[in-house]
Structures are given as structure tokens and as C-alpha cells.
Amino acid sequence: MTVAALTVERCCKQAAWDCNEYQLDVSQPADVAEYKRIIDRNAQIGIPNQVYEPRNTAVSSRFNHTDDWEWEMVLMFEMNGDFRRGTWTPGKDPLPPTVASMMDYFKSKGVRPTAYFYPILNCKRRSSLCPSDSFSKPG
């Protein structure tokens, strides 16, 4: 493996918002095709990791957000709202079909999806997930 290939393997990821993919809704077939094109391109040029944060109105809604940016609907593979509410647990509960099919597509192309999330958001809503001093102010 060359130094350049090793560097790409260890550090490179594509933040797909550079492609305006946050405007895509992967519950819609045309937008799924467009998102897959982004994954295909990353696979083609050898980018092994991609931040995954398109909308998915079959799974989440911006009207259920708890963050100031109204972005929670795309966090944690679109599952952050359900996770925060305690209705979905990673590794225990299955992914919804629209999410699972995208994860399968990533795998088929050899590109690893990276979840986009704000860890503190879940701590504020489900304090059992974080140490008890997570919100203490420095003395």
C-alpha cells in the first residue's frame, strides 16, 4: 500500500453536505438514486468513509427536533429522535427499512457510513446516558 493510499484509508471522509445532500429525502426513490450516486463516487475515487446525514421523512421529522439548528432529524443515521425518546436502541432494535437499505448499499460499495450527531443533545434529554457531572460548570 502506498503512503497516499494509507493516508486516505486512515483519515479521509467525505462530508456529503458539500454535495447539498442534506436537501435529499431518502424516503423518496429519486433522492435515493441521487444519494447512491454520491456513495458510488466516493467508492470510485477511494474515499472509505462518508458522513451520512440526508433527510428521511419516513423515519424522522424536523418538527420533533430538540436542537436549536432543527437538525436532529438527520442525526445518528436519522434515528436520534427515537434514540433520545428511548424508542430505539442501537444494536438491539432493527433499523427501519429505508435506513437499513442505505446501510446495505454503503457496505456493498465498500464505503463506511459515519453518523452525524451532537452527543450533548442526547445527554440533555436522557441523562442516564451521561456521567452525572456532564453539565457541571467549571469552578
Protein backbone atom coordinates (compact mmCIF):
# COMPACT_ATOMS: atom_id res chain seq x y z
CA MET A 1 0.00 0.00 0.00
CA THR A 2 1.34 3.42 -0.88
CA VAL A 3 1.68 6.25 1.65
CA ALA A 4 -1.08 8.16 -0.17
CA ALA A 5 -3.42 5.15 -0.01
CA LEU A 6 -2.60 4.61 3.66
CA THR A 7 -3.34 8.27 4.41
CA VAL A 8 -6.71 8.06 2.63
CA GLU A 9 -7.56 4.84 4.47
CA ARG A 10 -6.81 6.29 7.88
CA CYS A 11 -8.14 9.81 7.67
CA CYS A 12 -10.29 10.70 4.71
CA LYS A 13 -14.01 11.02 4.85
CA GLN A 14 -16.42 12.92 2.76
CA ALA A 15 -18.89 15.22 4.46
CA ALA A 16 -21.68 14.87 1.94
CA TRP A 17 -23.24 18.23 2.80
CA ASP A 18 -20.67 19.57 0.36
CA CYS A 19 -22.91 17.91 -2.23
CA ASN A 20 -26.04 19.51 -0.74
CA GLU A 21 -27.24 16.02 0.15
CA TYR A 22 -28.91 17.37 3.28
CA GLN A 23 -31.62 18.54 0.89
CA LEU A 24 -32.29 14.97 -0.26
CA ASP A 25 -35.05 12.91 1.34
CA VAL A 26 -34.06 9.25 1.16
CA SER A 27 -37.66 8.18 1.65
CA GLN A 28 -38.15 9.30 -1.98
CA PRO A 29 -36.89 6.99 -4.78
CA ALA A 30 -35.38 9.81 -6.87
CA ASP A 31 -33.44 11.11 -3.88
CA VAL A 32 -32.25 7.58 -3.01
CA ALA A 33 -30.83 7.32 -6.53
CA GLU A 34 -29.08 10.67 -6.13
CA TYR A 35 -27.65 9.71 -2.75
CA LYS A 36 -26.39 6.41 -4.12
CA ARG A 37 -24.60 8.39 -6.84
CA ILE A 38 -22.67 10.21 -4.07
CA ILE A 39 -21.74 6.88 -2.45
CA ASP A 40 -20.73 5.50 -5.84
CA ARG A 41 -18.45 8.47 -6.49
CA ASN A 42 -16.77 8.10 -3.11
CA ALA A 43 -16.20 4.40 -3.80
CA GLN A 44 -14.85 5.22 -7.26
CA ILE A 45 -12.25 7.69 -6.00
CA GLY A 46 -11.32 5.65 -2.93
CA ILE A 47 -12.84 7.66 -0.09
CA PRO A 48 -13.55 4.98 2.53
CA ASN A 49 -15.75 6.98 4.94
CA GLN A 50 -18.73 9.23 4.37
CA VAL A 51 -20.73 11.28 6.84
CA TYR A 52 -24.36 10.23 6.41
CA GLU A 53 -26.96 12.89 7.10
CA PRO A 54 -29.69 13.12 4.47
CA ARG A 55 -33.30 13.71 5.50
CA ASN A 56 -35.61 10.71 5.75
CA THR A 57 -39.21 11.75 6.30
CA ALA A 58 -40.27 8.10 6.58
CA VAL A 59 -38.27 7.94 9.83
CA SER A 60 -37.89 11.41 11.35
CA SER A 61 -39.34 14.89 11.22
CA ARG A 62 -37.83 18.30 11.74
CA PHE A 63 -40.90 19.15 13.78
CA ASN A 64 -39.73 16.79 16.54
CA HIS A 65 -36.33 18.41 16.97
CA THR A 66 -34.84 19.49 20.29
CA ASP A 67 -31.79 21.27 18.93
CA ASP A 68 -31.56 24.94 18.04
CA TRP A 69 -30.47 24.13 14.48
CA GLU A 70 -33.55 21.96 13.77
CA TRP A 71 -31.15 19.33 12.51
CA GLU A 72 -31.93 16.44 14.83
CA MET A 73 -33.89 14.67 12.11
CA VAL A 74 -30.64 13.72 10.33
CA LEU A 75 -28.52 12.85 13.36
CA MET A 76 -27.35 9.32 14.13
CA PHE A 77 -28.49 7.82 10.82
CA GLU A 78 -31.83 9.65 11.19
CA MET A 79 -32.53 7.72 14.41
CA ASN A 80 -31.52 10.31 17.02
CA GLY A 81 -35.07 11.36 17.88
CA ASP A 82 -36.16 7.78 18.53
CA PHE A 83 -32.98 7.13 20.50
CA ARG A 84 -33.48 10.27 22.59
CA ARG A 85 -37.10 9.28 23.31
CA GLY A 86 -35.99 5.77 24.28
CA THR A 87 -37.98 4.07 21.48
CA TRP A 88 -34.94 2.74 19.59
CA THR A 89 -31.71 1.23 20.91
CA PRO A 90 -28.71 0.67 18.61
CA GLY A 91 -27.72 -2.98 18.35
CA LYS A 92 -30.99 -4.10 19.92
CA ASP A 93 -33.71 -2.71 17.69
CA PRO A 94 -33.66 -3.10 13.91
CA LEU A 95 -33.15 -0.14 11.63
CA PRO A 96 -36.19 0.96 9.64
CA PRO A 97 -36.16 -0.41 6.06
CA THR A 98 -35.25 2.93 4.45
CA VAL A 99 -32.22 3.28 6.72
CA ALA A 100 -31.21 -0.39 6.53
CA SER A 101 -31.26 -0.37 2.74
CA MET A 102 -28.90 2.63 2.64
CA MET A 103 -26.55 0.96 5.15
CA ASP A 104 -26.56 -2.16 2.95
CA TYR A 105 -25.72 -0.03 -0.09
CA PHE A 106 -22.78 1.57 1.70
CA LYS A 107 -21.49 -1.89 2.59
CA SER A 108 -21.89 -3.15 -0.99
CA LYS A 109 -19.71 -0.27 -2.20
CA GLY A 110 -17.04 -0.60 0.50
CA VAL A 111 -17.75 2.86 1.92
CA ARG A 112 -18.29 3.17 5.67
CA PRO A 113 -21.08 5.50 6.77
CA THR A 114 -20.26 7.82 9.64
CA ALA A 115 -23.09 9.06 11.85
CA TYR A 116 -23.54 12.78 12.22
CA PHE A 117 -24.54 13.65 15.77
CA TYR A 118 -24.25 16.04 18.68
CA PRO A 119 -23.51 13.87 21.75
CA ILE A 120 -24.65 16.52 24.20
CA LEU A 121 -28.15 16.54 22.72
CA ASN A 122 -28.80 13.01 23.96
CA CYS A 123 -27.26 13.73 27.34
CA LYS A 124 -29.61 16.65 27.88
CA ARG A 125 -32.65 14.52 27.10
CA ARG A 126 -31.59 11.14 28.53
CA SER A 127 -29.31 11.97 31.42
CA SER A 128 -28.86 8.26 32.20
CA LEU A 129 -26.57 8.10 29.14
CA CYS A 130 -24.01 10.52 30.57
CA PRO A 131 -21.92 10.92 33.71
CA SER A 132 -23.68 12.82 36.48
CA ASP A 133 -21.26 15.72 36.24
CA SER A 134 -21.73 16.19 32.46
CA PHE A 135 -23.41 19.54 32.91
CA SER A 136 -21.46 20.98 35.82
CA LYS A 137 -19.80 24.29 35.15
CA PRO A 138 -16.06 24.64 35.72
CA GLY A 139 -15.24 26.05 39.16
